[in-house]
PDB file of N, CA and C in Angstrom:
ATOM      1  N   MET A   1     -74.649-115.614 -15.507  1.00  0.00           N
ATOM      2  CA  MET A   1     -75.730-114.704 -15.852  1.00  0.00           C
ATOM      3  C   MET A   1     -75.832-114.570 -17.368  1.00  0.00           C
ATOM      4  N   ALA A   2     -77.049-114.387 -17.825  1.00  0.00           N
ATOM      5  CA  ALA A   2     -77.313-114.198 -19.248  1.00  0.00           C
ATOM      6  C   ALA A   2     -78.030-112.863 -19.424  1.00  0.00           C
ATOM      7  N   GLU A   3     -78.052-112.389 -20.655  1.00  0.00           N
ATOM      8  CA  GLU A   3     -78.733-111.128 -20.965  1.00  0.00           C
ATOM      9  C   GLU A   3     -79.631-111.307 -22.179  1.00  0.00           C
ATOM     10  N   GLN A   4     -80.772-110.640 -22.161  1.00  0.00           N
ATOM     11  CA  GLN A   4     -81.692-110.611 -23.299  1.00  0.00           C
ATOM     12  C   GLN A   4     -82.022-109.157 -23.604  1.00  0.00           C
ATOM     13  N   HIS A   5     -82.140-108.864 -24.881  1.00  0.00           N
ATOM     14  CA  HIS A   5     -82.529-107.529 -25.341  1.00  0.00           C
ATOM     15  C   HIS A   5     -83.794-107.695 -26.173  1.00  0.00           C
ATOM     16  N   TYR A   6     -84.819-106.931 -25.845  1.00  0.00           N
ATOM     17  CA  TYR A   6     -86.096-107.019 -26.550  1.00  0.00           C
ATOM     18  C   TYR A   6     -86.518-105.661 -27.075  1.00  0.00           C
ATOM     19  N   GLU A   7     -87.098-105.659 -28.267  1.00  0.00           N
ATOM     20  CA  GLU A   7     -87.796-104.486 -28.786  1.00  0.00           C
ATOM     21  C   GLU A   7     -89.264-104.678 -28.448  1.00  0.00           C
ATOM     22  N   VAL A   8     -89.841-103.676 -27.779  1.00  0.00           N
ATOM     23  CA  VAL A   8     -91.223-103.763 -27.319  1.00  0.00           C
ATOM     24  C   VAL A   8     -91.951-102.494 -27.770  1.00  0.00           C
ATOM     25  N   PRO A   9     -92.591-102.542 -28.942  1.00  0.00           N
ATOM     26  CA  PRO A   9     -93.189-101.344 -29.542  1.00  0.00           C
ATOM     27  C   PRO A   9     -94.274-100.658 -28.710  1.00  0.00           C
ATOM     28  N   ASP A  10     -94.914-101.399 -27.800  1.00  0.00           N
ATOM     29  CA  ASP A  10     -96.032-100.823 -27.050  1.00  0.00           C
ATOM     30  C   ASP A  10     -95.619-100.039 -25.808  1.00  0.00           C
ATOM     31  N   ILE A  11     -94.330 -99.891 -25.543  1.00  0.00           N
ATOM     32  CA  ILE A  11     -93.876 -99.063 -24.418  1.00  0.00           C
ATOM     33  C   ILE A  11     -94.073 -97.597 -24.802  1.00  0.00           C
ATOM     34  N   SER A  12     -94.813 -96.856 -23.963  1.00  0.00           N
ATOM     35  CA  SER A  12     -95.083 -95.464 -24.326  1.00  0.00           C
ATOM     36  C   SER A  12     -94.943 -94.464 -23.176  1.00  0.00           C
ATOM     37  N   CYS A  13     -94.815 -94.967 -21.936  1.00  0.00           N
ATOM     38  CA  CYS A  13     -94.803 -94.025 -20.818  1.00  0.00           C
ATOM     39  C   CYS A  13     -94.124 -94.639 -19.597  1.00  0.00           C
ATOM     40  N   MET A  14     -94.028 -93.849 -18.551  1.00  0.00           N
ATOM     41  CA  MET A  14     -93.392 -94.312 -17.318  1.00  0.00           C
ATOM     42  C   MET A  14     -94.209 -95.415 -16.639  1.00  0.00           C
ATOM     43  N   HIS A  15     -95.530 -95.389 -16.813  1.00  0.00           N
ATOM     44  CA  HIS A  15     -96.356 -96.477 -16.269  1.00  0.00           C
ATOM     45  C   HIS A  15     -95.957 -97.801 -16.912  1.00  0.00           C
ATOM     46  N   CYS A  16     -95.755 -97.791 -18.228  1.00  0.00           N
ATOM     47  CA  CYS A  16     -95.316 -98.998 -18.945  1.00  0.00           C
ATOM     48  C   CYS A  16     -93.992 -99.484 -18.367  1.00  0.00           C
ATOM     49  N   LYS A  17     -93.084 -98.558 -18.171  1.00  0.00           N
ATOM     50  CA  LYS A  17     -91.750 -98.880 -17.639  1.00  0.00           C
ATOM     51  C   LYS A  17     -91.865 -99.572 -16.287  1.00  0.00           C
ATOM     52  N   ARG A  18     -92.644 -98.996 -15.382  1.00  0.00           N
ATOM     53  CA  ARG A  18     -92.805 -99.570 -14.046  1.00  0.00           C
ATOM     54  C   ARG A  18     -93.494-100.931 -14.101  1.00  0.00           C
ATOM     55  N   ALA A  19     -94.506-101.064 -14.955  1.00  0.00           N
ATOM     56  CA  ALA A  19     -95.234-102.334 -15.068  1.00  0.00           C
ATOM     57  C   ALA A  19     -94.306-103.449 -15.544  1.00  0.00           C
ATOM     58  N   ILE A  20     -93.462-103.146 -16.515  1.00  0.00           N
ATOM     59  CA  ILE A  20     -92.523-104.140 -17.041  1.00  0.00           C
ATOM     60  C   ILE A  20     -91.467-104.478 -15.996  1.00  0.00           C
ATOM     61  N   GLU A  21     -90.922-103.468 -15.341  1.00  0.00           N
ATOM     62  CA  GLU A  21     -89.912-103.711 -14.299  1.00  0.00           C
ATOM     63  C   GLU A  21     -90.481-104.583 -13.182  1.00  0.00           C
ATOM     64  N   ASP A  22     -91.711-104.302 -12.769  1.00  0.00           N
ATOM     65  CA  ASP A  22     -92.340-105.086 -11.703  1.00  0.00           C
ATOM     66  C   ASP A  22     -92.623-106.517 -12.157  1.00  0.00           C
ATOM     67  N   ALA A  23     -93.153-106.661 -13.370  1.00  0.00           N
ATOM     68  CA  ALA A  23     -93.523-107.987 -13.874  1.00  0.00           C
ATOM     69  C   ALA A  23     -92.304-108.889 -14.045  1.00  0.00           C
ATOM     70  N   LEU A  24     -91.270-108.380 -14.672  1.00  0.00           N
ATOM     71  CA  LEU A  24     -90.077-109.199 -14.901  1.00  0.00           C
ATOM     72  C   LEU A  24     -89.240-109.332 -13.633  1.00  0.00           C
ATOM     73  N   GLY A  25     -89.184-108.264 -12.858  1.00  0.00           N
ATOM     74  CA  GLY A  25     -88.391-108.283 -11.635  1.00  0.00           C
ATOM     75  C   GLY A  25     -88.906-109.267 -10.600  1.00  0.00           C
ATOM     76  N   SER A  26     -90.181-109.636 -10.694  1.00  0.00           N
ATOM     77  CA  SER A  26     -90.755-110.581  -9.735  1.00  0.00           C
ATOM     78  C   SER A  26     -90.459-112.036 -10.090  1.00  0.00           C
ATOM     79  N   LEU A  27     -89.914-112.279 -11.277  1.00  0.00           N
ATOM     80  CA  LEU A  27     -89.585-113.648 -11.675  1.00  0.00           C
ATOM     81  C   LEU A  27     -88.316-114.117 -10.968  1.00  0.00           C
ATOM     82  N   LYS A  28     -88.355-115.333 -10.435  1.00  0.00           N
ATOM     83  CA  LYS A  28     -87.180-115.905  -9.785  1.00  0.00           C
ATOM     84  C   LYS A  28     -86.075-116.062 -10.816  1.00  0.00           C
ATOM     85  N   GLY A  29     -84.908-115.539 -10.506  1.00  0.00           N
ATOM     86  CA  GLY A  29     -83.768-115.645 -11.408  1.00  0.00           C
ATOM     87  C   GLY A  29     -83.462-114.373 -12.163  1.00  0.00           C
ATOM     88  N   VAL A  30     -84.390-113.410 -12.163  1.00  0.00           N
ATOM     89  CA  VAL A  30     -84.138-112.138 -12.843  1.00  0.00           C
ATOM     90  C   VAL A  30     -83.332-111.248 -11.903  1.00  0.00           C
ATOM     91  N   ASP A  31     -82.183-110.793 -12.394  1.00  0.00           N
ATOM     92  CA  ASP A  31     -81.273-109.994 -11.574  1.00  0.00           C
ATOM     93  C   ASP A  31     -81.405-108.501 -11.846  1.00  0.00           C
ATOM     94  N   GLY A  32     -81.831-108.132 -13.060  1.00  0.00           N
ATOM     95  CA  GLY A  32     -81.967-106.722 -13.386  1.00  0.00           C
ATOM     96  C   GLY A  32     -82.808-106.510 -14.626  1.00  0.00           C
ATOM     97  N   VAL A  33     -83.554-105.408 -14.626  1.00  0.00           N
ATOM     98  CA  VAL A  33     -84.405-105.051 -15.762  1.00  0.00           C
ATOM     99  C   VAL A  33     -84.186-103.575 -16.057  1.00  0.00           C
ATOM    100  N   THR A  34     -83.861-103.264 -17.310  1.00  0.00           N
ATOM    101  CA  THR A  34     -83.697-101.880 -17.741  1.00  0.00           C
ATOM    102  C   THR A  34     -84.659-101.631 -18.892  1.00  0.00           C
ATOM    103  N   VAL A  35     -85.535-100.649 -18.707  1.00  0.00           N
ATOM    104  CA  VAL A  35     -86.530-100.319 -19.724  1.00  0.00           C
ATOM    105  C   VAL A  35     -86.246 -98.921 -20.246  1.00  0.00           C
ATOM    106  N   SER A  36     -86.179 -98.783 -21.569  1.00  0.00           N
ATOM    107  CA  SER A  36     -86.036 -97.470 -22.201  1.00  0.00           C
ATOM    108  C   SER A  36     -87.345 -97.125 -22.893  1.00  0.00           C
ATOM    109  N   VAL A  37     -88.029 -96.104 -22.367  1.00  0.00           N
ATOM    110  CA  VAL A  37     -89.287 -95.665 -22.965  1.00  0.00           C
ATOM    111  C   VAL A  37     -89.025 -95.083 -24.350  1.00  0.00           C
ATOM    112  N   ASP A  38     -87.988 -94.256 -24.477  1.00  0.00           N
ATOM    113  CA  ASP A  38     -87.683 -93.610 -25.761  1.00  0.00           C
ATOM    114  C   ASP A  38     -87.310 -94.617 -26.845  1.00  0.00           C
ATOM    115  N   ALA A  39     -86.473 -95.587 -26.505  1.00  0.00           N
ATOM    116  CA  ALA A  39     -86.019 -96.576 -27.490  1.00  0.00           C
ATOM    117  C   ALA A  39     -86.995 -97.741 -27.635  1.00  0.00           C
ATOM    118  N   LYS A  40     -87.946 -97.838 -26.697  1.00  0.00           N
ATOM    119  CA  LYS A  40     -88.916 -98.938 -26.677  1.00  0.00           C
ATOM    120  C   LYS A  40     -88.210-100.290 -26.596  1.00  0.00           C
ATOM    121  N   THR A  41     -87.272-100.379 -25.644  1.00  0.00           N
ATOM    122  CA  THR A  41     -86.511-101.609 -25.456  1.00  0.00           C
ATOM    123  C   THR A  41     -86.518-102.044 -23.992  1.00  0.00           C
ATOM    124  N   VAL A  42     -86.280-103.339 -23.812  1.00  0.00           N
ATOM    125  CA  VAL A  42     -86.159-103.928 -22.480  1.00  0.00           C
ATOM    126  C   VAL A  42     -84.910-104.796 -22.482  1.00  0.00           C
ATOM    127  N   ASP A  43     -84.042-104.577 -21.502  1.00  0.00           N
ATOM    128  CA  ASP A  43     -82.852-105.402 -21.324  1.00  0.00           C
ATOM    129  C   ASP A  43     -82.977-106.116 -19.982  1.00  0.00           C
ATOM    130  N   VAL A  44     -82.744-107.422 -20.010  1.00  0.00           N
ATOM    131  CA  VAL A  44     -82.908-108.233 -18.810  1.00  0.00           C
ATOM    132  C   VAL A  44     -81.623-109.014 -18.542  1.00  0.00           C
ATOM    133  N   VAL A  45     -81.168-108.963 -17.298  1.00  0.00           N
ATOM    134  CA  VAL A  45     -80.051-109.785 -16.843  1.00  0.00           C
ATOM    135  C   VAL A  45     -80.668-110.850 -15.938  1.00  0.00           C
ATOM    136  N   TYR A  46     -80.348-112.120 -16.220  1.00  0.00           N
ATOM    137  CA  TYR A  46     -81.007-113.193 -15.487  1.00  0.00           C
ATOM    138  C   TYR A  46     -80.111-114.422 -15.383  1.00  0.00           C
ATOM    139  N   ASP A  47     -80.471-115.290 -14.457  1.00  0.00           N
ATOM    140  CA  ASP A  47     -79.782-116.564 -14.266  1.00  0.00           C
ATOM    141  C   ASP A  47     -80.480-117.583 -15.162  1.00  0.00           C
ATOM    142  N   ASP A  48     -79.796-118.022 -16.208  1.00  0.00           N
ATOM    143  CA  ASP A  48     -80.440-118.916 -17.173  1.00  0.00           C
ATOM    144  C   ASP A  48     -80.642-120.335 -16.643  1.00  0.00           C
ATOM    145  N   SER A  49     -80.198-120.605 -15.433  1.00  0.00           N
ATOM    146  CA  SER A  49     -80.517-121.895 -14.826  1.00  0.00           C
ATOM    147  C   SER A  49     -81.855-121.832 -14.081  1.00  0.00           C
ATOM    148  N   LEU A  50     -82.385-120.617 -13.902  1.00  0.00           N
ATOM    149  CA  LEU A  50     -83.641-120.438 -13.173  1.00  0.00           C
ATOM    150  C   LEU A  50     -84.796-119.941 -14.035  1.00  0.00           C
ATOM    151  N   VAL A  51     -84.497-119.251 -15.109  1.00  0.00           N
ATOM    152  CA  VAL A  51     -85.553-118.696 -15.964  1.00  0.00           C
ATOM    153  C   VAL A  51     -85.088-118.745 -17.419  1.00  0.00           C
ATOM    154  N   ARG A  52     -86.042-119.022 -18.320  1.00  0.00           N
ATOM    155  CA  ARG A  52     -85.726-119.115 -19.748  1.00  0.00           C
ATOM    156  C   ARG A  52     -86.220-117.865 -20.480  1.00  0.00           C
ATOM    157  N   PRO A  53     -85.607-117.533 -21.617  1.00  0.00           N
ATOM    158  CA  PRO A  53     -86.059-116.377 -22.397  1.00  0.00           C
ATOM    159  C   PRO A  53     -87.545-116.456 -22.759  1.00  0.00           C
ATOM    160  N   GLU A  54     -88.038-117.662 -23.009  1.00  0.00           N
ATOM    161  CA  GLU A  54     -89.453-117.833 -23.344  1.00  0.00           C
ATOM    162  C   GLU A  54     -90.357-117.371 -22.206  1.00  0.00           C
ATOM    163  N   GLU A  55     -89.908-117.589 -20.971  1.00  0.00           N
ATOM    164  CA  GLU A  55     -90.683-117.146 -19.814  1.00  0.00           C
ATOM    165  C   GLU A  55     -90.705-115.623 -19.725  1.00  0.00           C
ATOM    166  N   LEU A  56     -89.587-114.994 -20.046  1.00  0.00           N
ATOM    167  CA  LEU A  56     -89.524-113.532 -20.041  1.00  0.00           C
ATOM    168  C   LEU A  56     -90.483-112.966 -21.084  1.00  0.00           C
ATOM    169  N   GLU A  57     -90.435-113.533 -22.291  1.00  0.00           N
ATOM    170  CA  GLU A  57     -91.303-113.069 -23.378  1.00  0.00           C
ATOM    171  C   GLU A  57     -92.770-113.299 -23.041  1.00  0.00           C
ATOM    172  N   SER A  58     -93.067-114.438 -22.448  1.00  0.00           N
ATOM    173  CA  SER A  58     -94.439-114.750 -22.063  1.00  0.00           C
ATOM    174  C   SER A  58     -94.954-113.762 -21.022  1.00  0.00           C
ATOM    175  N   ARG A  59     -94.132-113.442 -20.041  1.00  0.00           N
ATOM    176  CA  ARG A  59     -94.546-112.489 -19.004  1.00  0.00           C
ATOM    177  C   ARG A  59     -94.789-111.108 -19.606  1.00  0.00           C
ATOM    178  N   LEU A  60     -93.930-110.686 -20.527  1.00  0.00           N
ATOM    179  CA  LEU A  60     -94.139-109.401 -21.204  1.00  0.00           C
ATOM    180  C   LEU A  60     -95.474-109.397 -21.937  1.00  0.00           C
ATOM    181  N   ALA A  61     -95.765-110.464 -22.663  1.00  0.00           N
ATOM    182  CA  ALA A  61     -97.023-110.553 -23.411  1.00  0.00           C
ATOM    183  C   ALA A  61     -98.226-110.551 -22.470  1.00  0.00           C
ATOM    184  N   GLU A  62     -98.130-111.277 -21.358  1.00  0.00           N
ATOM    185  CA  GLU A  62     -99.211-111.314 -20.368  1.00  0.00           C
ATOM    186  C   GLU A  62     -99.520-109.922 -19.829  1.00  0.00           C
ATOM    187  N   GLU A  63     -98.497-109.099 -19.699  1.00  0.00           N
ATOM    188  CA  GLU A  63     -98.668-107.742 -19.177  1.00  0.00           C
ATOM    189  C   GLU A  63     -99.126-106.755 -20.250  1.00  0.00           C
ATOM    190  N   GLY A  64     -99.233-107.229 -21.500  1.00  0.00           N
ATOM    191  CA  GLY A  64     -99.693-106.358 -22.583  1.00  0.00           C
ATOM    192  C   GLY A  64     -98.577-105.712 -23.381  1.00  0.00           C
ATOM    193  N   TYR A  65     -97.374-106.266 -23.263  1.00  0.00           N
ATOM    194  CA  TYR A  65     -96.211-105.715 -23.960  1.00  0.00           C
ATOM    195  C   TYR A  65     -95.500-106.803 -24.769  1.00  0.00           C
ATOM    196  N   PRO A  66     -96.131-107.252 -25.855  1.00  0.00           N
ATOM    197  CA  PRO A  66     -95.504-108.313 -26.655  1.00  0.00           C
ATOM    198  C   PRO A  66     -94.197-107.846 -27.296  1.00  0.00           C
ATOM    199  N   VAL A  67     -93.287-108.793 -27.430  1.00  0.00           N
ATOM    200  CA  VAL A  67     -91.975-108.542 -28.016  1.00  0.00           C
ATOM    201  C   VAL A  67     -92.088-108.514 -29.533  1.00  0.00           C
ATOM    202  N   LYS A  68     -91.398-107.567 -30.154  1.00  0.00           N
ATOM    203  CA  LYS A  68     -91.363-107.494 -31.615  1.00  0.00           C
ATOM    204  C   LYS A  68     -90.509-108.639 -32.133  1.00  0.00           C
ATOM    205  N   LYS A  69     -91.051-109.400 -33.061  1.00  0.00           N
ATOM    206  CA  LYS A  69     -90.321-110.552 -33.642  1.00  0.00           C
ATOM    207  C   LYS A  69     -89.670-110.161 -34.939  1.00  0.00           C
TER     208      LYS A  69
END
């Protein structure tokens, strides 16, 4: 298992949290998603043989939550 930590400035409410959890959680290989509304962060635990960090970032952007670079 691998872990990724993202800063996502556009997280502002519980709706954002649920949308991100649903979007990333539906990807094959994602084992866990933790979203902090207050810290504006997303932590993902995933199987790196099934999903790449680029796919996680792309899904976040598609949902309207681009990762801070």
